[in-house]
Amino acid sequence: LTSGSAMVRTSDRGLATATPLTPKTPEHQPDISVTGIEHYKSI
């Protein structure tokens, strides 16, 4: 955010490419109950 103006250069798609995702096999289906935010304050 510059001089009171904010910008987002990384889209949701860009975030997904930051780290390879696990294959979408049944045993690797993402847990939709996990938001990641529960780890925030410890990191």
PDB file of all heavy atoms in Angstrom:
ATOM      1  N   LEU A   1       0.865  -1.161   0.000  1.00  0.00           N
ATOM      2  CA  LEU A   1       0.000   0.000   0.000  1.00  0.00           C
ATOM      3  C   LEU A   1       0.908   1.219   0.000  1.00  0.00           C
ATOM      4  O   LEU A   1       1.743   1.378   0.866  1.00  0.00           O
ATOM      5  CB  LEU A   1      -0.888  -0.038   1.250  1.00  0.00           C
ATOM      6  CG  LEU A   1      -2.005   0.982   1.360  1.00  0.00           C
ATOM      7  CD1 LEU A   1      -3.116   0.413   2.216  1.00  0.00           C
ATOM      8  CD2 LEU A   1      -1.541   2.279   1.903  1.00  0.00           C
ATOM      9  N   THR A   2       0.784   2.071  -1.016  1.00  0.00           N
ATOM     10  CA  THR A   2       1.714   3.170  -1.168  1.00  0.00           C
ATOM     11  C   THR A   2       1.026   4.514  -1.069  1.00  0.00           C
ATOM     12  O   THR A   2       0.055   4.770  -1.762  1.00  0.00           O
ATOM     13  CB  THR A   2       2.467   3.075  -2.514  1.00  0.00           C
ATOM     14  OG1 THR A   2       3.271   4.223  -2.679  1.00  0.00           O
ATOM     15  CG2 THR A   2       1.537   2.942  -3.678  1.00  0.00           C
ATOM     16  N   SER A   3       1.550   5.372  -0.178  1.00  0.00           N
ATOM     17  CA  SER A   3       0.985   6.697   0.064  1.00  0.00           C
ATOM     18  C   SER A   3      -0.529   6.646   0.203  1.00  0.00           C
ATOM     19  O   SER A   3      -1.260   7.441  -0.353  1.00  0.00           O
ATOM     20  CB  SER A   3       1.362   7.650  -1.077  1.00  0.00           C
ATOM     21  OG  SER A   3       2.739   7.836  -1.125  1.00  0.00           O
ATOM     22  N   GLY A   4      -0.967   5.625   0.939  1.00  0.00           N
ATOM     23  CA  GLY A   4      -2.395   5.469   1.150  1.00  0.00           C
ATOM     24  C   GLY A   4      -3.068   4.642   0.084  1.00  0.00           C
ATOM     25  O   GLY A   4      -4.268   4.441   0.115  1.00  0.00           O
ATOM     26  N   SER A   5      -2.342   4.127  -0.914  1.00  0.00           N
ATOM     27  CA  SER A   5      -2.975   3.299  -1.938  1.00  0.00           C
ATOM     28  C   SER A   5      -2.463   1.877  -1.827  1.00  0.00           C
ATOM     29  O   SER A   5      -1.288   1.651  -1.652  1.00  0.00           O
ATOM     30  CB  SER A   5      -2.668   3.840  -3.334  1.00  0.00           C
ATOM     31  OG  SER A   5      -1.306   3.800  -3.604  1.00  0.00           O
ATOM     32  N   ALA A   6      -3.374   0.916  -1.917  1.00  0.00           N
ATOM     33  CA  ALA A   6      -3.009  -0.468  -1.687  1.00  0.00           C
ATOM     34  C   ALA A   6      -3.073  -1.271  -2.956  1.00  0.00           C
ATOM     35  O   ALA A   6      -3.885  -1.023  -3.821  1.00  0.00           O
ATOM     36  CB  ALA A   6      -3.947  -1.078  -0.656  1.00  0.00           C
ATOM     37  N   MET A   7      -2.197  -2.271  -3.030  1.00  0.00           N
ATOM     38  CA  MET A   7      -2.158  -3.123  -4.208  1.00  0.00           C
ATOM     39  C   MET A   7      -1.913  -4.560  -3.790  1.00  0.00           C
ATOM     40  O   MET A   7      -1.257  -4.831  -2.810  1.00  0.00           O
ATOM     41  CB  MET A   7      -1.045  -2.693  -5.161  1.00  0.00           C
ATOM     42  CG  MET A   7      -1.094  -1.239  -5.549  1.00  0.00           C
ATOM     43  SD  MET A   7       0.215  -0.844  -6.665  1.00  0.00           S
ATOM     44  CE  MET A   7      -0.266  -1.790  -8.087  1.00  0.00           C
ATOM     45  N   VAL A   8      -2.432  -5.503  -4.571  1.00  0.00           N
ATOM     46  CA  VAL A   8      -2.135  -6.912  -4.386  1.00  0.00           C
ATOM     47  C   VAL A   8      -1.558  -7.415  -5.686  1.00  0.00           C
ATOM     48  O   VAL A   8      -2.231  -7.443  -6.697  1.00  0.00           O
ATOM     49  CB  VAL A   8      -3.408  -7.723  -4.030  1.00  0.00           C
ATOM     50  CG1 VAL A   8      -3.088  -9.198  -3.962  1.00  0.00           C
ATOM     51  CG2 VAL A   8      -3.958  -7.260  -2.697  1.00  0.00           C
ATOM     52  N   ARG A   9      -0.299  -7.777  -5.661  1.00  0.00           N
ATOM     53  CA  ARG A   9       0.355  -8.290  -6.857  1.00  0.00           C
ATOM     54  C   ARG A   9       0.248  -9.800  -6.973  1.00  0.00           C
ATOM     55  O   ARG A   9       0.418 -10.341  -8.047  1.00  0.00           O
ATOM     56  CB  ARG A   9       1.840  -7.900  -6.844  1.00  0.00           C
ATOM     57  CG  ARG A   9       2.071  -6.424  -7.120  1.00  0.00           C
ATOM     58  CD  ARG A   9       1.625  -6.053  -8.498  1.00  0.00           C
ATOM     59  NE  ARG A   9       1.939  -4.685  -8.812  1.00  0.00           N
ATOM     60  CZ  ARG A   9       1.542  -4.048  -9.884  1.00  0.00           C
ATOM     61  NH1 ARG A   9       0.755  -4.645 -10.731  1.00  0.00           N
ATOM     62  NH2 ARG A   9       1.873  -2.793 -10.112  1.00  0.00           N
ATOM     63  N   THR A  10       0.007 -10.483  -5.848  1.00  0.00           N
ATOM     64  CA  THR A  10      -0.068 -11.928  -5.877  1.00  0.00           C
ATOM     65  C   THR A  10      -1.510 -12.366  -5.780  1.00  0.00           C
ATOM     66  O   THR A  10      -2.161 -12.146  -4.796  1.00  0.00           O
ATOM     67  CB  THR A  10       0.723 -12.529  -4.701  1.00  0.00           C
ATOM     68  OG1 THR A  10       2.042 -12.002  -4.744  1.00  0.00           O
ATOM     69  CG2 THR A  10       0.784 -14.030  -4.802  1.00  0.00           C
ATOM     70  N   SER A  11      -2.013 -12.983  -6.814  1.00  0.00           N
ATOM     71  CA  SER A  11      -3.389 -13.468  -6.818  1.00  0.00           C
ATOM     72  C   SER A  11      -3.467 -14.809  -6.105  1.00  0.00           C
ATOM     73  O   SER A  11      -2.463 -15.386  -5.721  1.00  0.00           O
ATOM     74  CB  SER A  11      -3.862 -13.647  -8.264  1.00  0.00           C
ATOM     75  OG  SER A  11      -3.088 -14.648  -8.886  1.00  0.00           O
ATOM     76  N   ASP A  12      -4.691 -15.321  -5.919  1.00  0.00           N
ATOM     77  CA  ASP A  12      -4.833 -16.646  -5.321  1.00  0.00           C
ATOM     78  C   ASP A  12      -4.089 -17.684  -6.142  1.00  0.00           C
ATOM     79  O   ASP A  12      -3.496 -18.621  -5.624  1.00  0.00           O
ATOM     80  CB  ASP A  12      -6.313 -17.024  -5.235  1.00  0.00           C
ATOM     81  CG  ASP A  12      -7.039 -16.156  -4.220  1.00  0.00           C
ATOM     82  OD1 ASP A  12      -6.369 -15.466  -3.442  1.00  0.00           O
ATOM     83  OD2 ASP A  12      -8.273 -16.197  -4.236  1.00  0.00           O
ATOM     84  N   ARG A  13      -4.101 -17.521  -7.464  1.00  0.00           N
ATOM     85  CA  ARG A  13      -3.390 -18.459  -8.318  1.00  0.00           C
ATOM     86  C   ARG A  13      -1.900 -18.381  -8.051  1.00  0.00           C
ATOM     87  O   ARG A  13      -1.201 -19.379  -7.988  1.00  0.00           O
ATOM     88  CB  ARG A  13      -3.676 -18.150  -9.786  1.00  0.00           C
ATOM     89  CG  ARG A  13      -3.023 -19.157 -10.740  1.00  0.00           C
ATOM     90  CD  ARG A  13      -3.272 -18.798 -12.187  1.00  0.00           C
ATOM     91  NE  ARG A  13      -2.601 -17.580 -12.570  1.00  0.00           N
ATOM     92  CZ  ARG A  13      -3.212 -16.448 -12.858  1.00  0.00           C
ATOM     93  NH1 ARG A  13      -4.526 -16.380 -12.793  1.00  0.00           N
ATOM     94  NH2 ARG A  13      -2.528 -15.371 -13.202  1.00  0.00           N
ATOM     95  N   GLY A  14      -1.389 -17.173  -7.862  1.00  0.00           N
ATOM     96  CA  GLY A  14       0.029 -17.001  -7.595  1.00  0.00           C
ATOM     97  C   GLY A  14       0.424 -17.641  -6.279  1.00  0.00           C
ATOM     98  O   GLY A  14       1.497 -18.222  -6.147  1.00  0.00           O
ATOM     99  N   LEU A  15      -0.443 -17.538  -5.270  1.00  0.00           N
ATOM    100  CA  LEU A  15      -0.143 -18.160  -3.997  1.00  0.00           C
ATOM    101  C   LEU A  15      -0.065 -19.666  -4.160  1.00  0.00           C
ATOM    102  O   LEU A  15       0.762 -20.326  -3.542  1.00  0.00           O
ATOM    103  CB  LEU A  15      -1.227 -17.812  -2.974  1.00  0.00           C
ATOM    104  CG  LEU A  15      -1.229 -16.379  -2.461  1.00  0.00           C
ATOM    105  CD1 LEU A  15      -2.426 -16.180  -1.543  1.00  0.00           C
ATOM    106  CD2 LEU A  15       0.048 -16.065  -1.716  1.00  0.00           C
ATOM    107  N   ALA A  16      -0.910 -20.216  -5.005  1.00  0.00           N
ATOM    108  CA  ALA A  16      -0.920 -21.658  -5.183  1.00  0.00           C
ATOM    109  C   ALA A  16       0.364 -22.147  -5.809  1.00  0.00           C
ATOM    110  O   ALA A  16       0.784 -23.274  -5.588  1.00  0.00           O
ATOM    111  CB  ALA A  16      -2.116 -22.071  -6.051  1.00  0.00           C
ATOM    112  N   THR A  17       1.027 -21.314  -6.603  1.00  0.00           N
ATOM    113  CA  THR A  17       2.245 -21.748  -7.263  1.00  0.00           C
ATOM    114  C   THR A  17       3.477 -21.522  -6.408  1.00  0.00           C
ATOM    115  O   THR A  17       4.564 -21.924  -6.772  1.00  0.00           O
ATOM    116  CB  THR A  17       2.428 -21.006  -8.592  1.00  0.00           C
ATOM    117  OG1 THR A  17       2.508 -19.594  -8.330  1.00  0.00           O
ATOM    118  CG2 THR A  17       1.267 -21.274  -9.529  1.00  0.00           C
ATOM    119  N   ALA A  18       3.317 -20.863  -5.250  1.00  0.00           N
ATOM    120  CA  ALA A  18       4.474 -20.607  -4.405  1.00  0.00           C
ATOM    121  C   ALA A  18       5.044 -21.909  -3.870  1.00  0.00           C
ATOM    122  O   ALA A  18       6.234 -22.046  -3.675  1.00  0.00           O
ATOM    123  CB  ALA A  18       4.088 -19.698  -3.246  1.00  0.00           C
ATOM    124  N   THR A  19       4.190 -22.893  -3.599  1.00  0.00           N
ATOM    125  CA  THR A  19       4.602 -24.197  -3.111  1.00  0.00           C
ATOM    126  C   THR A  19       3.782 -25.241  -3.840  1.00  0.00           C
ATOM    127  O   THR A  19       2.569 -25.106  -3.951  1.00  0.00           O
ATOM    128  CB  THR A  19       4.344 -24.328  -1.594  1.00  0.00           C
ATOM    129  OG1 THR A  19       4.984 -23.247  -0.919  1.00  0.00           O
ATOM    130  CG2 THR A  19       4.863 -25.640  -1.055  1.00  0.00           C
ATOM    131  N   PRO A  20       4.419 -26.302  -4.380  1.00  0.00           N
ATOM    132  CA  PRO A  20       3.665 -27.317  -5.109  1.00  0.00           C
ATOM    133  C   PRO A  20       2.558 -27.916  -4.254  1.00  0.00           C
ATOM    134  O   PRO A  20       2.753 -28.199  -3.072  1.00  0.00           O
ATOM    135  CB  PRO A  20       4.731 -28.369  -5.448  1.00  0.00           C
ATOM    136  CG  PRO A  20       6.017 -27.631  -5.390  1.00  0.00           C
ATOM    137  CD  PRO A  20       5.844 -26.589  -4.332  1.00  0.00           C
ATOM    138  N   LEU A  21       1.393 -28.110  -4.842  1.00  0.00           N
ATOM    139  CA  LEU A  21       0.286 -28.714  -4.126  1.00  0.00           C
ATOM    140  C   LEU A  21       0.379 -30.233  -4.190  1.00  0.00           C
ATOM    141  O   LEU A  21       0.965 -30.809  -5.096  1.00  0.00           O
ATOM    142  CB  LEU A  21      -1.055 -28.267  -4.733  1.00  0.00           C
ATOM    143  CG  LEU A  21      -1.339 -26.766  -4.672  1.00  0.00           C
ATOM    144  CD1 LEU A  21      -2.684 -26.486  -5.335  1.00  0.00           C
ATOM    145  CD2 LEU A  21      -1.363 -26.298  -3.233  1.00  0.00           C
ATOM    146  N   THR A  22      -0.212 -30.874  -3.186  1.00  0.00           N
ATOM    147  CA  THR A  22      -0.206 -32.325  -3.176  1.00  0.00           C
ATOM    148  C   THR A  22      -1.144 -32.844  -4.249  1.00  0.00           C
ATOM    149  O   THR A  22      -2.122 -32.197  -4.609  1.00  0.00           O
ATOM    150  CB  THR A  22      -0.679 -32.844  -1.805  1.00  0.00           C
ATOM    151  OG1 THR A  22      -1.932 -32.242  -1.503  1.00  0.00           O
ATOM    152  CG2 THR A  22       0.313 -32.501  -0.728  1.00  0.00           C
ATOM    153  N   PRO A  23      -0.894 -34.047  -4.801  1.00  0.00           N
ATOM    154  CA  PRO A  23      -1.768 -34.609  -5.824  1.00  0.00           C
ATOM    155  C   PRO A  23      -3.175 -34.795  -5.265  1.00  0.00           C
ATOM    156  O   PRO A  23      -3.360 -35.115  -4.091  1.00  0.00           O
ATOM    157  CB  PRO A  23      -1.113 -35.961  -6.146  1.00  0.00           C
ATOM    158  CG  PRO A  23       0.280 -35.839  -5.646  1.00  0.00           C
ATOM    159  CD  PRO A  23       0.227 -34.913  -4.479  1.00  0.00           C
ATOM    160  N   LYS A  24      -4.179 -34.660  -6.123  1.00  0.00           N
ATOM    161  CA  LYS A  24      -5.559 -34.779  -5.670  1.00  0.00           C
ATOM    162  C   LYS A  24      -6.044 -36.220  -5.762  1.00  0.00           C
ATOM    163  O   LYS A  24      -7.042 -36.525  -6.393  1.00  0.00           O
ATOM    164  CB  LYS A  24      -6.460 -33.843  -6.468  1.00  0.00           C
ATOM    165  CG  LYS A  24      -6.198 -32.377  -6.164  1.00  0.00           C
ATOM    166  CD  LYS A  24      -7.208 -31.491  -6.822  1.00  0.00           C
ATOM    167  CE  LYS A  24      -6.988 -30.030  -6.464  1.00  0.00           C
ATOM    168  NZ  LYS A  24      -7.974 -29.151  -7.094  1.00  0.00           N
ATOM    169  N   THR A  25      -5.292 -37.117  -5.142  1.00  0.00           N
ATOM    170  CA  THR A  25      -5.742 -38.491  -4.992  1.00  0.00           C
ATOM    171  C   THR A  25      -6.575 -38.544  -3.718  1.00  0.00           C
ATOM    172  O   THR A  25      -6.490 -37.650  -2.876  1.00  0.00           O
ATOM    173  CB  THR A  25      -4.533 -39.430  -4.866  1.00  0.00           C
ATOM    174  OG1 THR A  25      -3.731 -38.991  -3.767  1.00  0.00           O
ATOM    175  CG2 THR A  25      -3.701 -39.399  -6.135  1.00  0.00           C
ATOM    176  N   PRO A  26      -7.406 -39.588  -3.519  1.00  0.00           N
ATOM    177  CA  PRO A  26      -8.259 -39.626  -2.332  1.00  0.00           C
ATOM    178  C   PRO A  26      -7.498 -39.444  -1.022  1.00  0.00           C
ATOM    179  O   PRO A  26      -7.961 -38.767  -0.121  1.00  0.00           O
ATOM    180  CB  PRO A  26      -8.908 -41.013  -2.423  1.00  0.00           C
ATOM    181  CG  PRO A  26      -8.943 -41.295  -3.897  1.00  0.00           C
ATOM    182  CD  PRO A  26      -7.675 -40.693  -4.443  1.00  0.00           C
ATOM    183  N   GLU A  27      -6.301 -40.054  -0.925  1.00  0.00           N
ATOM    184  CA  GLU A  27      -5.557 -39.944   0.324  1.00  0.00           C
ATOM    185  C   GLU A  27      -4.869 -38.599   0.478  1.00  0.00           C
ATOM    186  O   GLU A  27      -4.339 -38.289   1.537  1.00  0.00           O
ATOM    187  CB  GLU A  27      -4.530 -41.076   0.431  1.00  0.00           C
ATOM    188  CG  GLU A  27      -3.400 -41.014  -0.611  1.00  0.00           C
ATOM    189  CD  GLU A  27      -3.760 -41.736  -1.898  1.00  0.00           C
ATOM    190  OE1 GLU A  27      -4.971 -41.943  -2.116  1.00  0.00           O
ATOM    191  OE2 GLU A  27      -2.853 -42.105  -2.641  1.00  0.00           O
ATOM    192  N   HIS A  28      -4.876 -37.762  -0.587  1.00  0.00           N
ATOM    193  CA  HIS A  28      -4.224 -36.459  -0.524  1.00  0.00           C
ATOM    194  C   HIS A  28      -5.206 -35.310  -0.740  1.00  0.00           C
ATOM    195  O   HIS A  28      -4.814 -34.208  -1.074  1.00  0.00           O
ATOM    196  CB  HIS A  28      -3.107 -36.372  -1.567  1.00  0.00           C
ATOM    197  CG  HIS A  28      -1.920 -37.231  -1.250  1.00  0.00           C
ATOM    198  ND1 HIS A  28      -1.721 -38.436  -1.862  1.00  0.00           N
ATOM    199  CD2 HIS A  28      -0.898 -37.067  -0.383  1.00  0.00           C
ATOM    200  CE1 HIS A  28      -0.606 -38.989  -1.413  1.00  0.00           C
ATOM    201  NE2 HIS A  28      -0.087 -38.177  -0.500  1.00  0.00           N
ATOM    202  N   GLN A  29      -6.488 -35.580  -0.561  1.00  0.00           N
ATOM    203  CA  GLN A  29      -7.458 -34.511  -0.702  1.00  0.00           C
ATOM    204  C   GLN A  29      -7.215 -33.466   0.380  1.00  0.00           C
ATOM    205  O   GLN A  29      -7.025 -33.811   1.543  1.00  0.00           O
ATOM    206  CB  GLN A  29      -8.888 -35.047  -0.573  1.00  0.00           C
ATOM    207  CG  GLN A  29      -9.355 -35.838  -1.771  1.00  0.00           C
ATOM    208  CD  GLN A  29      -9.562 -34.961  -2.990  1.00  0.00           C
ATOM    209  OE1 GLN A  29      -9.722 -33.761  -2.853  1.00  0.00           O
ATOM    210  NE2 GLN A  29      -9.551 -35.553  -4.164  1.00  0.00           N
ATOM    211  N   PRO A  30      -7.186 -32.157   0.029  1.00  0.00           N
ATOM    212  CA  PRO A  30      -6.966 -31.140   1.044  1.00  0.00           C
ATOM    213  C   PRO A  30      -8.080 -31.127   2.084  1.00  0.00           C
ATOM    214  O   PRO A  30      -9.243 -31.341   1.767  1.00  0.00           O
ATOM    215  CB  PRO A  30      -6.954 -29.829   0.229  1.00  0.00           C
ATOM    216  CG  PRO A  30      -7.711 -30.143  -1.015  1.00  0.00           C
ATOM    217  CD  PRO A  30      -7.409 -31.573  -1.317  1.00  0.00           C
ATOM    218  N   ASP A  31      -7.702 -30.889   3.327  1.00  0.00           N
ATOM    219  CA  ASP A  31      -8.663 -30.812   4.420  1.00  0.00           C
ATOM    220  C   ASP A  31      -9.277 -29.419   4.414  1.00  0.00           C
ATOM    221  O   ASP A  31      -8.627 -28.441   4.778  1.00  0.00           O
ATOM    222  CB  ASP A  31      -7.947 -31.077   5.752  1.00  0.00           C
ATOM    223  CG  ASP A  31      -8.902 -31.050   6.937  1.00  0.00           C
ATOM    224  OD1 ASP A  31     -10.097 -30.760   6.721  1.00  0.00           O
ATOM    225  OD2 ASP A  31      -8.444 -31.299   8.063  1.00  0.00           O
ATOM    226  N   ILE A  32     -10.539 -29.307   3.995  1.00  0.00           N
ATOM    227  CA  ILE A  32     -11.149 -27.990   3.862  1.00  0.00           C
ATOM    228  C   ILE A  32     -11.381 -27.341   5.218  1.00  0.00           C
ATOM    229  O   ILE A  32     -11.668 -26.153   5.305  1.00  0.00           O
ATOM    230  CB  ILE A  32     -12.486 -28.066   3.093  1.00  0.00           C
ATOM    231  CG1 ILE A  32     -13.475 -28.989   3.831  1.00  0.00           C
ATOM    232  CG2 ILE A  32     -12.270 -28.542   1.665  1.00  0.00           C
ATOM    233  CD1 ILE A  32     -14.856 -28.998   3.223  1.00  0.00           C
ATOM    234  N   SER A  33     -11.254 -28.128   6.314  1.00  0.00           N
ATOM    235  CA  SER A  33     -11.407 -27.545   7.640  1.00  0.00           C
ATOM    236  C   SER A  33     -10.146 -26.820   8.087  1.00  0.00           C
ATOM    237  O   SER A  33     -10.163 -26.089   9.066  1.00  0.00           O
ATOM    238  CB  SER A  33     -11.752 -28.642   8.661  1.00  0.00           C
ATOM    239  OG  SER A  33     -10.652 -29.529   8.838  1.00  0.00           O
ATOM    240  N   VAL A  34      -9.038 -27.037   7.384  1.00  0.00           N
ATOM    241  CA  VAL A  34      -7.764 -26.393   7.732  1.00  0.00           C
ATOM    242  C   VAL A  34      -7.644 -25.087   6.968  1.00  0.00           C
ATOM    243  O   VAL A  34      -7.666 -25.072   5.745  1.00  0.00           O
ATOM    244  CB  VAL A  34      -6.572 -27.316   7.409  1.00  0.00           C
ATOM    245  CG1 VAL A  34      -5.267 -26.588   7.654  1.00  0.00           C
ATOM    246  CG2 VAL A  34      -6.634 -28.585   8.239  1.00  0.00           C
ATOM    247  N   THR A  35      -7.542 -23.983   7.679  1.00  0.00           N
ATOM    248  CA  THR A  35      -7.399 -22.687   7.021  1.00  0.00           C
ATOM    249  C   THR A  35      -5.960 -22.209   6.998  1.00  0.00           C
ATOM    250  O   THR A  35      -5.608 -21.323   6.239  1.00  0.00           O
ATOM    251  CB  THR A  35      -8.230 -21.614   7.750  1.00  0.00           C
ATOM    252  OG1 THR A  35      -7.687 -21.418   9.067  1.00  0.00           O
ATOM    253  CG2 THR A  35      -9.679 -22.037   7.863  1.00  0.00           C
ATOM    254  N   GLY A  36      -5.105 -22.796   7.833  1.00  0.00           N
ATOM    255  CA  GLY A  36      -3.727 -22.326   7.942  1.00  0.00           C
ATOM    256  C   GLY A  36      -3.582 -21.262   8.998  1.00  0.00           C
ATOM    257  O   GLY A  36      -2.497 -21.065   9.543  1.00  0.00           O
ATOM    258  N   ILE A  37      -4.668 -20.572   9.315  1.00  0.00           N
ATOM    259  CA  ILE A  37      -4.591 -19.447  10.242  1.00  0.00           C
ATOM    260  C   ILE A  37      -4.300 -19.905  11.673  1.00  0.00           C
ATOM    261  O   ILE A  37      -3.773 -19.143  12.478  1.00  0.00           O
ATOM    262  CB  ILE A  37      -5.888 -18.621  10.184  1.00  0.00           C
ATOM    263  CG1 ILE A  37      -5.666 -17.240  10.802  1.00  0.00           C
ATOM    264  CG2 ILE A  37      -7.034 -19.341  10.856  1.00  0.00           C
ATOM    265  CD1 ILE A  37      -6.843 -16.311  10.611  1.00  0.00           C
ATOM    266  N   GLU A  38      -4.606 -21.172  11.976  1.00  0.00           N
ATOM    267  CA  GLU A  38      -4.369 -21.658  13.327  1.00  0.00           C
ATOM    268  C   GLU A  38      -2.881 -21.685  13.684  1.00  0.00           C
ATOM    269  O   GLU A  38      -2.511 -21.720  14.851  1.00  0.00           O
ATOM    270  CB  GLU A  38      -4.988 -23.052  13.523  1.00  0.00           C
ATOM    271  CG  GLU A  38      -4.382 -24.134  12.640  1.00  0.00           C
ATOM    272  CD  GLU A  38      -5.099 -24.274  11.313  1.00  0.00           C
ATOM    273  OE1 GLU A  38      -5.784 -23.315  10.895  1.00  0.00           O
ATOM    274  OE2 GLU A  38      -4.957 -25.323  10.680  1.00  0.00           O
ATOM    275  N   HIS A  39      -2.021 -21.634  12.672  1.00  0.00           N
ATOM    276  CA  HIS A  39      -0.573 -21.638  12.909  1.00  0.00           C
ATOM    277  C   HIS A  39       0.026 -20.235  12.911  1.00  0.00           C
ATOM    278  O   HIS A  39       1.224 -20.082  13.167  1.00  0.00           O
ATOM    279  CB  HIS A  39       0.125 -22.459  11.822  1.00  0.00           C
ATOM    280  CG  HIS A  39      -0.396 -23.868  11.690  1.00  0.00           C
ATOM    281  ND1 HIS A  39      -0.190 -24.832  12.645  1.00  0.00           N
ATOM    282  CD2 HIS A  39      -1.122 -24.467  10.704  1.00  0.00           C
ATOM    283  CE1 HIS A  39      -0.761 -25.963  12.255  1.00  0.00           C
ATOM    284  NE2 HIS A  39      -1.329 -25.769  11.088  1.00  0.00           N
ATOM    285  N   TYR A  40      -0.790 -19.238  12.600  1.00  0.00           N
ATOM    286  CA  TYR A  40      -0.254 -17.912  12.295  1.00  0.00           C
ATOM    287  C   TYR A  40       0.602 -17.341  13.424  1.00  0.00           C
ATOM    288  O   TYR A  40       1.752 -16.918  13.215  1.00  0.00           O
ATOM    289  CB  TYR A  40      -1.388 -16.937  11.965  1.00  0.00           C
ATOM    290  CG  TYR A  40      -0.893 -15.683  11.277  1.00  0.00           C
ATOM    291  CD1 TYR A  40      -0.958 -15.568   9.896  1.00  0.00           C
ATOM    292  CD2 TYR A  40      -0.324 -14.632  11.994  1.00  0.00           C
ATOM    293  CE1 TYR A  40      -0.480 -14.440   9.251  1.00  0.00           C
ATOM    294  CE2 TYR A  40       0.158 -13.507  11.361  1.00  0.00           C
ATOM    295  CZ  TYR A  40       0.079 -13.421   9.990  1.00  0.00           C
ATOM    296  OH  TYR A  40       0.570 -12.308   9.365  1.00  0.00           O
ATOM    297  N   LYS A  41       0.058 -17.322  14.640  1.00  0.00           N
ATOM    298  CA  LYS A  41       0.744 -16.640  15.731  1.00  0.00           C
ATOM    299  C   LYS A  41       2.011 -17.358  16.178  1.00  0.00           C
ATOM    300  O   LYS A  41       2.872 -16.745  16.800  1.00  0.00           O
ATOM    301  CB  LYS A  41      -0.211 -16.439  16.904  1.00  0.00           C
ATOM    302  CG  LYS A  41      -1.291 -15.397  16.604  1.00  0.00           C
ATOM    303  CD  LYS A  41      -2.049 -14.963  17.859  1.00  0.00           C
ATOM    304  CE  LYS A  41      -3.076 -15.955  18.270  1.00  0.00           C
ATOM    305  NZ  LYS A  41      -3.953 -15.437  19.376  1.00  0.00           N
ATOM    306  N   SER A  42       2.134 -18.639  15.851  1.00  0.00           N
ATOM    307  CA  SER A  42       3.364 -19.358  16.211  1.00  0.00           C
ATOM    308  C   SER A  42       4.456 -19.199  15.161  1.00  0.00           C
ATOM    309  O   SER A  42       5.611 -19.551  15.411  1.00  0.00           O
ATOM    310  CB  SER A  42       3.065 -20.847  16.420  1.00  0.00           C
ATOM    311  OG  SER A  42       2.581 -21.442  15.222  1.00  0.00           O
ATOM    312  N   ILE A  43       4.109 -18.650  13.992  1.00  0.00           N
ATOM    313  CA  ILE A  43       5.075 -18.518  12.900  1.00  0.00           C
ATOM    314  C   ILE A  43       5.479 -17.065  12.663  1.00  0.00           C
ATOM    315  O   ILE A  43       6.644 -16.773  12.363  1.00  0.00           O
ATOM    316  CB  ILE A  43       4.501 -19.126  11.607  1.00  0.00           C
ATOM    317  CG1 ILE A  43       4.305 -20.640  11.799  1.00  0.00           C
ATOM    318  CG2 ILE A  43       5.405 -18.851  10.404  1.00  0.00           C
ATOM    319  CD1 ILE A  43       3.630 -21.326  10.628  1.00  0.00           C
TER     320      ILE A  43
END
